[in-house]
């Protein structure tokens, strides 16, 4: 399968450089110069991964991410901010909007391609896992319709769901879902847990303060 990547940035030289290297690595690539264009193109292209800047004209990356997450056709799309924004609060806004990860600019191309390859492996694993989790999740919201989870939300919930009644430490969740070599903010997991609870019900995820989380039937 040829993976599809969308590169979204208002700086043409960055778009060209990243797109060229992704194409050379074997990915199918399209680009957009702002958030609105990304939202418009995403439905038809249905990318596996969107690499998106945060600060752009017309529509910024956070708003674009929020709109993309509302599209059922793009529920499995992995959204990663590739941005020079260093403010923790602004980065958290991105996670709140539904982003799966954040990569800081500048980044060496070899590192970026390695991160992209790791993401694609995780996407492939999730797509090929035969687990009754998805059916059970939908049972929680039969009155409201199907529940849509982002990639990271799915992976966190699957980890907890596979071993119900067991508390998983924060470190274990970070290592399993994000990987040992990925640096993420301390509050990132809390944002994702809050999103999961809002979708499947508060009662299904329990917290042990300063330790971790578990799934409850």
N, C-alpha and C. Protein backbone atom coordinates (compact mmCIF):
# COMPACT_ATOMS: atom_id res chain seq x y z
N UNK A 1 0.84 -1.19 0.00
CA UNK A 1 0.00 0.00 0.00
C UNK A 1 0.87 1.24 0.00
N UNK A 2 0.50 2.21 -0.84
CA UNK A 2 1.24 3.47 -0.88
C UNK A 2 0.55 4.45 0.05
N UNK A 3 1.27 4.88 1.07
CA UNK A 3 0.69 5.79 2.06
C UNK A 3 0.58 7.21 1.51
N UNK A 4 -0.48 7.87 1.93
CA UNK A 4 -0.76 9.23 1.46
C UNK A 4 -0.46 10.25 2.56
N UNK A 5 0.30 11.29 2.19
CA UNK A 5 0.69 12.33 3.14
C UNK A 5 0.31 13.69 2.58
N UNK A 6 -0.29 14.53 3.43
CA UNK A 6 -0.56 15.91 3.05
C UNK A 6 0.36 16.82 3.85
N UNK A 7 1.04 17.73 3.15
CA UNK A 7 1.93 18.70 3.78
C UNK A 7 1.26 20.06 3.73
N UNK A 8 1.08 20.68 4.88
CA UNK A 8 0.35 21.95 4.96
C UNK A 8 1.23 23.01 5.60
N UNK A 9 1.59 24.02 4.82
CA UNK A 9 2.45 25.09 5.33
C UNK A 9 2.34 26.28 4.38
N UNK A 10 2.42 27.48 4.91
CA UNK A 10 2.33 28.67 4.05
C UNK A 10 3.69 29.08 3.50
N UNK A 11 4.76 28.39 3.91
CA UNK A 11 6.10 28.68 3.38
C UNK A 11 6.39 27.69 2.25
N UNK A 12 6.44 28.22 1.04
CA UNK A 12 6.57 27.37 -0.16
C UNK A 12 7.83 26.52 -0.15
N UNK A 13 8.94 27.08 0.36
CA UNK A 13 10.19 26.33 0.32
C UNK A 13 10.14 25.12 1.25
N UNK A 14 9.44 25.28 2.38
CA UNK A 14 9.29 24.14 3.30
C UNK A 14 8.42 23.07 2.67
N UNK A 15 7.31 23.48 2.07
CA UNK A 15 6.41 22.53 1.41
C UNK A 15 7.15 21.77 0.33
N UNK A 16 7.90 22.47 -0.50
CA UNK A 16 8.61 21.82 -1.60
C UNK A 16 9.67 20.85 -1.08
N UNK A 17 10.42 21.28 -0.07
CA UNK A 17 11.49 20.44 0.45
C UNK A 17 10.95 19.19 1.12
N UNK A 18 9.95 19.34 1.98
CA UNK A 18 9.37 18.19 2.67
C UNK A 18 8.68 17.27 1.68
N UNK A 19 7.90 17.85 0.75
CA UNK A 19 7.18 17.04 -0.23
C UNK A 19 8.13 16.24 -1.11
N UNK A 20 9.20 16.88 -1.54
CA UNK A 20 10.19 16.20 -2.40
C UNK A 20 10.76 14.97 -1.70
N UNK A 21 11.14 15.14 -0.44
CA UNK A 21 11.74 14.04 0.30
C UNK A 21 10.73 12.94 0.60
N UNK A 22 9.50 13.30 0.85
CA UNK A 22 8.46 12.29 1.08
C UNK A 22 8.18 11.50 -0.20
N UNK A 23 8.12 12.20 -1.32
CA UNK A 23 7.92 11.54 -2.61
C UNK A 23 9.07 10.58 -2.90
N UNK A 24 10.29 11.05 -2.64
CA UNK A 24 11.48 10.23 -2.87
C UNK A 24 11.48 8.99 -1.97
N UNK A 25 10.83 9.10 -0.79
CA UNK A 25 10.75 7.97 0.14
C UNK A 25 9.61 7.01 -0.21
N UNK A 26 8.83 7.36 -1.24
CA UNK A 26 7.80 6.44 -1.71
C UNK A 26 6.38 6.77 -1.31
N UNK A 27 6.16 7.94 -0.72
CA UNK A 27 4.81 8.32 -0.32
C UNK A 27 4.09 9.08 -1.43
N UNK A 28 2.78 8.98 -1.44
CA UNK A 28 1.96 9.82 -2.32
C UNK A 28 1.70 11.12 -1.57
N UNK A 29 2.00 12.25 -2.18
CA UNK A 29 1.99 13.52 -1.45
C UNK A 29 1.18 14.59 -2.19
N UNK A 30 0.39 15.34 -1.43
CA UNK A 30 -0.19 16.59 -1.92
C UNK A 30 0.08 17.66 -0.86
N UNK A 31 -0.12 18.91 -1.24
CA UNK A 31 0.18 19.99 -0.31
C UNK A 31 -0.95 21.00 -0.26
N UNK A 32 -0.92 21.83 0.77
CA UNK A 32 -1.87 22.93 0.93
C UNK A 32 -1.12 24.08 1.59
N UNK A 33 -1.53 25.31 1.28
CA UNK A 33 -0.81 26.48 1.77
C UNK A 33 -1.46 27.12 2.99
N UNK A 34 -2.61 26.60 3.40
CA UNK A 34 -3.26 27.11 4.61
C UNK A 34 -4.27 26.07 5.10
N UNK A 35 -4.82 26.32 6.29
CA UNK A 35 -5.73 25.35 6.89
C UNK A 35 -6.99 25.11 6.10
N UNK A 36 -7.55 26.16 5.53
CA UNK A 36 -8.80 26.01 4.76
C UNK A 36 -8.59 25.12 3.55
N UNK A 37 -7.48 25.34 2.86
CA UNK A 37 -7.18 24.52 1.69
C UNK A 37 -6.97 23.06 2.10
N UNK A 38 -6.35 22.87 3.27
CA UNK A 38 -6.14 21.51 3.77
C UNK A 38 -7.46 20.82 4.05
N UNK A 39 -8.38 21.52 4.69
CA UNK A 39 -9.70 20.96 5.00
C UNK A 39 -10.43 20.60 3.71
N UNK A 40 -10.35 21.48 2.72
CA UNK A 40 -11.04 21.25 1.44
C UNK A 40 -10.48 20.05 0.69
N UNK A 41 -9.17 19.86 0.76
CA UNK A 41 -8.53 18.78 0.00
C UNK A 41 -8.56 17.44 0.72
N UNK A 42 -8.64 17.47 2.03
CA UNK A 42 -8.48 16.25 2.81
C UNK A 42 -9.55 15.21 2.53
N UNK A 43 -10.80 15.63 2.34
CA UNK A 43 -11.89 14.67 2.15
C UNK A 43 -11.68 13.79 0.92
N UNK A 44 -11.23 14.40 -0.17
CA UNK A 44 -11.05 13.64 -1.40
C UNK A 44 -9.74 12.85 -1.40
N UNK A 45 -8.69 13.41 -0.80
CA UNK A 45 -7.39 12.74 -0.78
C UNK A 45 -7.31 11.67 0.30
N UNK A 46 -8.01 11.89 1.41
CA UNK A 46 -8.04 10.98 2.56
C UNK A 46 -6.62 10.53 2.95
N UNK A 47 -5.81 11.46 3.40
CA UNK A 47 -4.43 11.12 3.75
C UNK A 47 -4.33 10.23 4.98
N UNK A 48 -3.33 9.39 4.99
CA UNK A 48 -3.02 8.63 6.20
C UNK A 48 -2.40 9.56 7.25
N UNK A 49 -1.66 10.55 6.76
CA UNK A 49 -0.95 11.47 7.65
C UNK A 49 -1.03 12.89 7.12
N UNK A 50 -1.25 13.84 8.03
CA UNK A 50 -1.18 15.26 7.69
C UNK A 50 -0.08 15.88 8.53
N UNK A 51 0.92 16.46 7.87
CA UNK A 51 1.96 17.25 8.53
C UNK A 51 1.58 18.71 8.35
N UNK A 52 1.30 19.41 9.45
CA UNK A 52 0.69 20.74 9.32
C UNK A 52 1.34 21.76 10.26
N UNK A 53 1.58 22.92 9.71
CA UNK A 53 2.07 24.04 10.50
C UNK A 53 0.92 24.56 11.37
N UNK A 54 1.25 25.27 12.45
CA UNK A 54 0.21 25.81 13.32
C UNK A 54 -0.20 27.22 12.90
N UNK A 55 0.78 28.05 12.58
CA UNK A 55 0.51 29.45 12.28
C UNK A 55 0.49 29.67 10.77
N UNK A 56 -0.71 29.89 10.23
CA UNK A 56 -0.88 30.09 8.79
C UNK A 56 -1.98 31.11 8.55
N UNK A 57 -1.96 31.77 7.38
CA UNK A 57 -3.04 32.71 7.05
C UNK A 57 -4.32 31.98 6.67
N UNK A 58 -5.40 32.72 6.55
CA UNK A 58 -6.73 32.24 6.15
C UNK A 58 -7.35 31.37 7.25
N UNK A 59 -6.69 30.26 7.59
CA UNK A 59 -7.13 29.41 8.70
C UNK A 59 -5.90 28.75 9.30
N UNK A 60 -5.74 28.88 10.62
CA UNK A 60 -4.54 28.30 11.24
C UNK A 60 -4.68 26.78 11.40
N UNK A 61 -3.59 26.16 11.81
CA UNK A 61 -3.57 24.71 11.90
C UNK A 61 -4.49 24.13 12.95
N UNK A 62 -4.65 24.84 14.07
CA UNK A 62 -5.50 24.34 15.15
C UNK A 62 -6.95 24.24 14.68
N UNK A 63 -7.45 25.30 14.05
CA UNK A 63 -8.83 25.28 13.56
C UNK A 63 -9.01 24.23 12.46
N UNK A 64 -8.02 24.12 11.59
CA UNK A 64 -8.09 23.10 10.53
C UNK A 64 -8.13 21.71 11.13
N UNK A 65 -7.31 21.47 12.14
CA UNK A 65 -7.30 20.18 12.82
C UNK A 65 -8.66 19.88 13.42
N UNK A 66 -9.26 20.86 14.05
CA UNK A 66 -10.57 20.68 14.68
C UNK A 66 -11.63 20.31 13.63
N UNK A 67 -11.61 20.96 12.49
CA UNK A 67 -12.58 20.67 11.43
C UNK A 67 -12.35 19.30 10.81
N UNK A 68 -11.09 18.95 10.63
CA UNK A 68 -10.77 17.63 10.06
C UNK A 68 -11.24 16.53 10.99
N UNK A 69 -11.09 16.73 12.29
CA UNK A 69 -11.52 15.72 13.27
C UNK A 69 -13.04 15.54 13.28
N UNK A 70 -13.77 16.52 12.76
CA UNK A 70 -15.23 16.41 12.72
C UNK A 70 -15.72 15.64 11.49
N UNK A 71 -14.80 15.32 10.59
CA UNK A 71 -15.15 14.63 9.35
C UNK A 71 -15.01 13.12 9.53
N UNK A 72 -16.11 12.37 9.49
CA UNK A 72 -16.04 10.91 9.69
C UNK A 72 -15.13 10.21 8.69
N UNK A 73 -14.99 10.77 7.49
CA UNK A 73 -14.13 10.15 6.48
C UNK A 73 -12.66 10.18 6.89
N UNK A 74 -12.32 11.08 7.82
CA UNK A 74 -10.92 11.28 8.19
C UNK A 74 -10.64 10.85 9.62
N UNK A 75 -11.50 9.98 10.15
CA UNK A 75 -11.35 9.60 11.56
C UNK A 75 -10.05 8.86 11.82
N UNK A 76 -9.49 8.20 10.81
CA UNK A 76 -8.25 7.44 11.00
C UNK A 76 -7.00 8.22 10.56
N UNK A 77 -7.20 9.44 10.08
CA UNK A 77 -6.05 10.25 9.64
C UNK A 77 -5.22 10.68 10.84
N UNK A 78 -3.94 10.50 10.72
CA UNK A 78 -3.01 10.89 11.78
C UNK A 78 -2.59 12.33 11.52
N UNK A 79 -2.77 13.21 12.50
CA UNK A 79 -2.44 14.63 12.34
C UNK A 79 -1.27 14.98 13.23
N UNK A 80 -0.20 15.49 12.61
CA UNK A 80 1.00 15.88 13.34
C UNK A 80 1.32 17.33 13.01
N UNK A 81 1.48 18.14 14.04
CA UNK A 81 1.90 19.52 13.81
C UNK A 81 3.41 19.56 13.62
N UNK A 82 3.83 20.15 12.51
CA UNK A 82 5.24 20.39 12.22
C UNK A 82 5.40 21.90 12.28
N UNK A 83 5.86 22.41 13.41
CA UNK A 83 5.77 23.85 13.65
C UNK A 83 6.90 24.35 14.52
N UNK A 84 7.15 25.65 14.42
CA UNK A 84 8.17 26.29 15.25
C UNK A 84 7.58 26.86 16.53
N UNK A 85 6.28 26.69 16.75
CA UNK A 85 5.64 27.19 17.96
C UNK A 85 6.20 26.44 19.16
N UNK A 86 6.74 27.18 20.12
CA UNK A 86 7.38 26.55 21.28
C UNK A 86 6.58 26.73 22.56
N UNK A 87 5.54 27.53 22.52
CA UNK A 87 4.73 27.78 23.70
C UNK A 87 3.91 26.54 24.07
N UNK A 88 4.05 26.08 25.31
CA UNK A 88 3.37 24.86 25.74
C UNK A 88 1.85 24.97 25.62
N UNK A 89 1.32 26.11 25.98
CA UNK A 89 -0.14 26.29 25.94
C UNK A 89 -0.67 26.20 24.52
N UNK A 90 0.07 26.78 23.58
CA UNK A 90 -0.36 26.72 22.18
C UNK A 90 -0.26 25.30 21.64
N UNK A 91 0.77 24.59 22.06
CA UNK A 91 0.88 23.19 21.65
C UNK A 91 -0.27 22.37 22.21
N UNK A 92 -0.67 22.66 23.45
CA UNK A 92 -1.79 21.95 24.06
C UNK A 92 -3.10 22.23 23.34
N UNK A 93 -3.23 23.44 22.79
CA UNK A 93 -4.42 23.75 21.98
C UNK A 93 -4.50 22.80 20.79
N UNK A 94 -3.34 22.49 20.23
CA UNK A 94 -3.30 21.56 19.11
C UNK A 94 -3.76 20.17 19.52
N UNK A 95 -3.31 19.70 20.66
CA UNK A 95 -3.76 18.39 21.16
C UNK A 95 -5.25 18.42 21.48
N UNK A 96 -5.71 19.53 22.05
CA UNK A 96 -7.13 19.67 22.36
C UNK A 96 -7.97 19.59 21.09
N UNK A 97 -7.43 20.10 19.99
CA UNK A 97 -8.15 20.09 18.72
C UNK A 97 -8.15 18.72 18.07
N UNK A 98 -7.31 17.80 18.58
CA UNK A 98 -7.31 16.44 18.05
C UNK A 98 -6.02 15.98 17.41
N UNK A 99 -4.93 16.76 17.56
CA UNK A 99 -3.65 16.35 16.98
C UNK A 99 -3.11 15.12 17.70
N UNK A 100 -2.39 14.29 16.96
CA UNK A 100 -1.80 13.08 17.52
C UNK A 100 -0.39 13.30 18.03
N UNK A 101 0.30 14.27 17.45
CA UNK A 101 1.70 14.45 17.82
C UNK A 101 2.16 15.85 17.41
N UNK A 102 3.38 16.20 17.85
CA UNK A 102 3.95 17.52 17.55
C UNK A 102 5.44 17.33 17.29
N UNK A 103 5.90 17.88 16.17
CA UNK A 103 7.32 17.86 15.83
C UNK A 103 7.79 19.30 15.70
N UNK A 104 8.85 19.63 16.39
CA UNK A 104 9.34 21.01 16.39
C UNK A 104 10.22 21.30 15.19
N UNK A 105 10.02 22.46 14.58
CA UNK A 105 10.94 22.97 13.57
C UNK A 105 12.06 23.73 14.29
N UNK A 106 13.26 23.75 13.70
CA UNK A 106 13.66 22.97 12.53
C UNK A 106 13.92 21.52 12.91
N UNK A 107 13.76 20.64 11.94
CA UNK A 107 14.00 19.22 12.17
C UNK A 107 14.80 18.68 10.99
N UNK A 108 15.76 17.84 11.28
CA UNK A 108 16.55 17.23 10.20
C UNK A 108 15.66 16.29 9.40
N UNK A 109 15.85 16.29 8.09
CA UNK A 109 14.97 15.51 7.22
C UNK A 109 15.03 14.02 7.55
N UNK A 110 16.21 13.50 7.87
CA UNK A 110 16.31 12.09 8.22
C UNK A 110 15.47 11.77 9.45
N UNK A 111 15.46 12.69 10.40
CA UNK A 111 14.66 12.50 11.61
C UNK A 111 13.17 12.55 11.27
N UNK A 112 12.77 13.51 10.45
CA UNK A 112 11.38 13.63 10.06
C UNK A 112 10.91 12.38 9.32
N UNK A 113 11.70 11.91 8.37
CA UNK A 113 11.32 10.71 7.62
C UNK A 113 11.23 9.48 8.53
N UNK A 114 12.11 9.43 9.52
CA UNK A 114 12.07 8.33 10.48
C UNK A 114 10.78 8.38 11.30
N UNK A 115 10.38 9.58 11.71
CA UNK A 115 9.15 9.75 12.48
C UNK A 115 7.94 9.37 11.63
N UNK A 116 7.95 9.78 10.37
CA UNK A 116 6.85 9.46 9.46
C UNK A 116 6.75 7.95 9.27
N UNK A 117 7.89 7.30 9.07
CA UNK A 117 7.90 5.84 8.88
C UNK A 117 7.35 5.14 10.12
N UNK A 118 7.70 5.62 11.31
CA UNK A 118 7.21 5.01 12.55
C UNK A 118 5.70 5.18 12.66
N UNK A 119 5.20 6.34 12.26
CA UNK A 119 3.76 6.59 12.30
C UNK A 119 3.03 5.64 11.36
N UNK A 120 3.58 5.45 10.17
CA UNK A 120 2.94 4.57 9.19
C UNK A 120 2.90 3.12 9.69
N UNK A 121 3.94 2.70 10.39
CA UNK A 121 3.95 1.34 10.94
C UNK A 121 2.83 1.19 11.97
N UNK A 122 2.64 2.22 12.79
CA UNK A 122 1.58 2.16 13.79
C UNK A 122 0.20 2.15 13.12
N UNK A 123 0.05 2.96 12.09
CA UNK A 123 -1.22 3.00 11.36
C UNK A 123 -1.51 1.62 10.78
N UNK A 124 -0.49 1.00 10.20
CA UNK A 124 -0.66 -0.32 9.59
C UNK A 124 -1.05 -1.35 10.64
N UNK A 125 -0.44 -1.29 11.81
CA UNK A 125 -0.76 -2.23 12.88
C UNK A 125 -2.21 -2.07 13.33
N UNK A 126 -2.63 -0.82 13.50
CA UNK A 126 -4.00 -0.57 13.96
C UNK A 126 -5.01 -1.03 12.92
N UNK A 127 -4.71 -0.76 11.63
CA UNK A 127 -5.64 -1.15 10.58
C UNK A 127 -5.79 -2.66 10.47
N UNK A 128 -4.74 -3.41 10.83
CA UNK A 128 -4.77 -4.86 10.66
C UNK A 128 -5.12 -5.62 11.93
N UNK A 129 -5.28 -4.90 13.03
CA UNK A 129 -5.64 -5.57 14.28
C UNK A 129 -7.11 -5.97 14.23
N UNK A 130 -7.38 -7.24 14.47
CA UNK A 130 -8.77 -7.69 14.58
C UNK A 130 -9.08 -7.77 16.06
N UNK A 131 -9.80 -6.76 16.53
CA UNK A 131 -10.09 -6.65 17.96
C UNK A 131 -11.52 -6.18 18.09
N UNK A 132 -12.27 -6.80 18.98
CA UNK A 132 -13.68 -6.43 19.13
C UNK A 132 -13.85 -5.08 19.83
N UNK A 133 -12.73 -4.40 20.09
CA UNK A 133 -12.80 -3.11 20.74
C UNK A 133 -13.71 -2.14 20.02
N UNK A 134 -13.58 -2.05 18.68
CA UNK A 134 -14.36 -1.07 17.93
C UNK A 134 -15.85 -1.30 18.11
N UNK A 135 -16.27 -2.57 18.07
CA UNK A 135 -17.70 -2.87 18.24
C UNK A 135 -18.17 -2.47 19.62
N UNK A 136 -17.35 -2.78 20.63
CA UNK A 136 -17.73 -2.48 22.00
C UNK A 136 -17.79 -0.97 22.24
N UNK A 137 -16.87 -0.23 21.61
CA UNK A 137 -16.89 1.22 21.76
C UNK A 137 -18.21 1.77 21.24
N UNK A 138 -18.64 1.27 20.10
CA UNK A 138 -19.88 1.77 19.51
C UNK A 138 -21.08 1.48 20.40
N UNK A 139 -21.00 0.44 21.21
CA UNK A 139 -22.09 0.11 22.12
C UNK A 139 -22.28 1.18 23.18
N UNK A 140 -21.24 1.93 23.47
CA UNK A 140 -21.35 2.96 24.48
C UNK A 140 -22.17 4.15 24.00
N UNK A 141 -22.33 4.27 22.70
CA UNK A 141 -22.96 5.48 22.17
C UNK A 141 -24.02 5.14 21.13
N UNK A 142 -24.76 4.10 21.34
CA UNK A 142 -25.74 3.70 20.34
C UNK A 142 -26.81 4.77 20.12
N UNK A 143 -27.12 5.54 21.15
CA UNK A 143 -28.14 6.58 21.00
C UNK A 143 -27.61 7.78 20.22
N UNK A 144 -26.32 8.05 20.35
CA UNK A 144 -25.74 9.20 19.65
C UNK A 144 -25.14 8.84 18.29
N UNK A 145 -24.98 7.56 18.04
CA UNK A 145 -24.35 7.15 16.79
C UNK A 145 -22.93 6.67 17.06
N UNK A 146 -22.18 6.31 16.01
CA UNK A 146 -20.83 5.77 16.16
C UNK A 146 -19.87 6.76 16.81
N UNK A 147 -18.97 6.23 17.60
CA UNK A 147 -17.93 7.04 18.24
C UNK A 147 -16.73 7.13 17.31
N UNK A 148 -16.19 8.32 17.13
CA UNK A 148 -15.01 8.52 16.30
C UNK A 148 -13.81 8.80 17.20
N UNK A 149 -12.77 8.00 17.06
CA UNK A 149 -11.56 8.16 17.85
C UNK A 149 -10.40 8.53 16.95
N UNK A 150 -9.54 9.40 17.45
CA UNK A 150 -8.30 9.67 16.71
C UNK A 150 -7.37 8.47 16.88
N UNK A 151 -6.30 8.46 16.12
CA UNK A 151 -5.36 7.34 16.19
C UNK A 151 -4.82 7.13 17.60
N UNK A 152 -4.36 8.21 18.23
CA UNK A 152 -3.79 8.09 19.57
C UNK A 152 -4.86 7.70 20.58
N UNK A 153 -6.06 8.25 20.46
CA UNK A 153 -7.15 7.86 21.37
C UNK A 153 -7.44 6.37 21.26
N UNK A 154 -7.46 5.86 20.03
CA UNK A 154 -7.69 4.44 19.82
C UNK A 154 -6.60 3.60 20.49
N UNK A 155 -5.35 3.98 20.29
CA UNK A 155 -4.24 3.20 20.83
C UNK A 155 -4.24 3.22 22.35
N UNK A 156 -4.55 4.37 22.95
CA UNK A 156 -4.62 4.44 24.42
C UNK A 156 -5.75 3.57 24.94
N UNK A 157 -6.93 3.70 24.32
CA UNK A 157 -8.08 2.93 24.78
C UNK A 157 -7.87 1.44 24.58
N UNK A 158 -7.25 1.06 23.47
CA UNK A 158 -6.98 -0.36 23.23
C UNK A 158 -6.05 -0.92 24.30
N UNK A 159 -5.02 -0.15 24.66
CA UNK A 159 -4.08 -0.59 25.70
C UNK A 159 -4.81 -0.83 27.02
N UNK A 160 -5.67 0.11 27.40
CA UNK A 160 -6.40 -0.02 28.66
C UNK A 160 -7.45 -1.13 28.57
N UNK A 161 -8.12 -1.20 27.43
CA UNK A 161 -9.21 -2.15 27.23
C UNK A 161 -8.74 -3.60 27.25
N UNK A 162 -7.54 -3.83 26.69
CA UNK A 162 -7.03 -5.20 26.60
C UNK A 162 -6.74 -5.80 27.97
N UNK A 163 -6.52 -4.96 28.97
CA UNK A 163 -6.28 -5.44 30.33
C UNK A 163 -7.16 -4.66 31.31
N UNK A 164 -8.45 -4.89 31.28
CA UNK A 164 -9.36 -4.16 32.16
C UNK A 164 -9.05 -4.40 33.63
N UNK A 165 -9.35 -3.40 34.43
CA UNK A 165 -9.15 -3.46 35.89
C UNK A 165 -7.67 -3.36 36.29
N UNK A 166 -6.78 -3.23 35.32
CA UNK A 166 -5.37 -3.05 35.65
C UNK A 166 -4.97 -1.59 35.41
N UNK A 167 -4.32 -1.00 36.40
CA UNK A 167 -3.83 0.36 36.22
C UNK A 167 -2.54 0.35 35.39
N UNK A 168 -2.53 1.15 34.32
CA UNK A 168 -1.33 1.32 33.50
C UNK A 168 -0.68 2.65 33.88
N UNK A 169 0.61 2.62 34.14
CA UNK A 169 1.30 3.84 34.53
C UNK A 169 1.35 4.82 33.36
N UNK A 170 1.51 6.08 33.69
CA UNK A 170 1.64 7.10 32.64
C UNK A 170 2.84 6.79 31.76
N UNK A 171 3.94 6.36 32.39
CA UNK A 171 5.16 6.06 31.63
C UNK A 171 4.92 4.90 30.66
N UNK A 172 4.17 3.90 31.10
CA UNK A 172 3.88 2.76 30.24
C UNK A 172 3.04 3.18 29.04
N UNK A 173 2.07 4.03 29.27
CA UNK A 173 1.20 4.50 28.18
C UNK A 173 2.00 5.33 27.18
N UNK A 174 2.82 6.24 27.69
CA UNK A 174 3.65 7.06 26.81
C UNK A 174 4.57 6.17 25.96
N UNK A 175 5.21 5.19 26.60
CA UNK A 175 6.15 4.32 25.90
C UNK A 175 5.45 3.49 24.83
N UNK A 176 4.27 2.95 25.15
CA UNK A 176 3.55 2.08 24.22
C UNK A 176 2.93 2.85 23.07
N UNK A 177 2.34 3.99 23.36
CA UNK A 177 1.57 4.74 22.35
C UNK A 177 2.44 5.71 21.57
N UNK A 178 3.34 6.41 22.25
CA UNK A 178 4.16 7.41 21.56
C UNK A 178 5.56 6.90 21.23
N UNK A 179 6.03 5.91 21.97
CA UNK A 179 7.38 5.40 21.74
C UNK A 179 8.38 6.03 22.69
N UNK A 180 9.48 5.32 22.94
CA UNK A 180 10.46 5.79 23.91
C UNK A 180 11.26 7.00 23.43
N UNK A 181 11.34 7.18 22.11
CA UNK A 181 12.19 8.25 21.59
C UNK A 181 11.43 9.52 21.24
N UNK A 182 10.14 9.57 21.58
CA UNK A 182 9.32 10.73 21.27
C UNK A 182 9.08 11.52 22.54
N UNK A 183 9.37 12.81 22.50
CA UNK A 183 9.18 13.68 23.66
C UNK A 183 7.84 14.39 23.52
N UNK A 184 6.97 14.20 24.52
CA UNK A 184 5.68 14.87 24.52
C UNK A 184 5.48 15.53 25.87
N UNK A 185 4.63 16.55 25.91
CA UNK A 185 4.38 17.29 27.14
C UNK A 185 3.68 16.44 28.18
N UNK A 186 3.86 16.79 29.45
CA UNK A 186 3.30 16.02 30.55
C UNK A 186 1.78 15.99 30.54
N UNK A 187 1.15 17.02 29.98
CA UNK A 187 -0.30 17.10 30.00
C UNK A 187 -0.95 16.50 28.75
N UNK A 188 -0.14 16.05 27.82
CA UNK A 188 -0.67 15.51 26.57
C UNK A 188 -1.58 14.31 26.82
N UNK A 189 -1.16 13.40 27.68
CA UNK A 189 -1.97 12.21 27.97
C UNK A 189 -3.30 12.60 28.61
N UNK A 190 -3.27 13.58 29.51
CA UNK A 190 -4.50 14.01 30.17
C UNK A 190 -5.52 14.54 29.16
N UNK A 191 -5.03 15.25 28.16
CA UNK A 191 -5.92 15.78 27.11
C UNK A 191 -6.58 14.63 26.36
N UNK A 192 -5.80 13.62 26.00
CA UNK A 192 -6.34 12.48 25.26
C UNK A 192 -7.32 11.67 26.11
N UNK A 193 -7.00 11.48 27.38
CA UNK A 193 -7.91 10.76 28.28
C UNK A 193 -9.23 11.52 28.41
N UNK A 194 -9.15 12.83 28.51
CA UNK A 194 -10.37 13.64 28.60
C UNK A 194 -11.23 13.47 27.36
N UNK A 195 -10.60 13.43 26.19
CA UNK A 195 -11.34 13.23 24.95
C UNK A 195 -12.01 11.86 24.91
N UNK A 196 -11.27 10.84 25.33
CA UNK A 196 -11.83 9.48 25.34
C UNK A 196 -13.03 9.41 26.26
N UNK A 197 -12.90 9.98 27.46
CA UNK A 197 -14.01 9.96 28.42
C UNK A 197 -15.24 10.66 27.87
N UNK A 198 -15.02 11.74 27.15
CA UNK A 198 -16.16 12.48 26.62
C UNK A 198 -16.90 11.68 25.56
N UNK A 199 -16.21 10.70 24.96
CA UNK A 199 -16.80 9.93 23.88
C UNK A 199 -17.42 8.61 24.35
N UNK A 200 -16.79 7.95 25.33
CA UNK A 200 -17.30 6.64 25.74
C UNK A 200 -17.94 6.66 27.12
N UNK A 201 -17.80 7.77 27.83
CA UNK A 201 -18.39 7.86 29.16
C UNK A 201 -17.33 7.96 30.24
N UNK A 202 -17.55 8.87 31.19
CA UNK A 202 -16.59 9.11 32.26
C UNK A 202 -16.32 7.85 33.09
N UNK A 203 -17.34 7.00 33.24
CA UNK A 203 -17.24 5.87 34.17
C UNK A 203 -16.30 4.77 33.71
N UNK A 204 -15.88 4.80 32.45
CA UNK A 204 -15.08 3.69 31.92
C UNK A 204 -13.58 3.87 32.08
N UNK A 205 -13.12 5.06 32.41
CA UNK A 205 -11.70 5.30 32.63
C UNK A 205 -11.50 5.83 34.03
N UNK A 206 -10.79 5.07 34.86
CA UNK A 206 -10.50 5.50 36.23
C UNK A 206 -9.07 6.00 36.34
N UNK A 207 -8.86 6.95 37.25
CA UNK A 207 -7.55 7.55 37.45
C UNK A 207 -7.02 7.23 38.84
N UNK A 208 -5.76 6.84 38.91
CA UNK A 208 -5.05 6.79 40.19
C UNK A 208 -4.09 7.96 40.19
N UNK A 209 -4.34 8.93 41.04
CA UNK A 209 -3.58 10.18 41.03
C UNK A 209 -2.08 9.93 41.08
N UNK A 210 -1.37 10.61 40.19
CA UNK A 210 0.10 10.56 40.09
C UNK A 210 0.61 9.17 39.68
N UNK A 211 -0.28 8.29 39.23
CA UNK A 211 0.16 6.95 38.82
C UNK A 211 -0.26 6.63 37.39
N UNK A 212 -1.57 6.49 37.16
CA UNK A 212 -1.99 6.12 35.81
C UNK A 212 -3.48 5.92 35.68
N UNK A 213 -3.89 5.08 34.71
CA UNK A 213 -5.28 4.93 34.36
C UNK A 213 -5.63 3.47 34.13
N UNK A 214 -6.91 3.14 34.28
CA UNK A 214 -7.38 1.80 33.95
C UNK A 214 -8.76 1.88 33.32
N UNK A 215 -9.10 0.82 32.59
CA UNK A 215 -10.42 0.68 31.96
C UNK A 215 -11.32 -0.13 32.88
N UNK A 216 -12.57 0.30 33.03
CA UNK A 216 -13.55 -0.41 33.82
C UNK A 216 -14.77 -0.73 32.98
N UNK A 217 -15.25 -1.97 33.05
CA UNK A 217 -16.43 -2.38 32.31
C UNK A 217 -17.68 -1.77 32.91
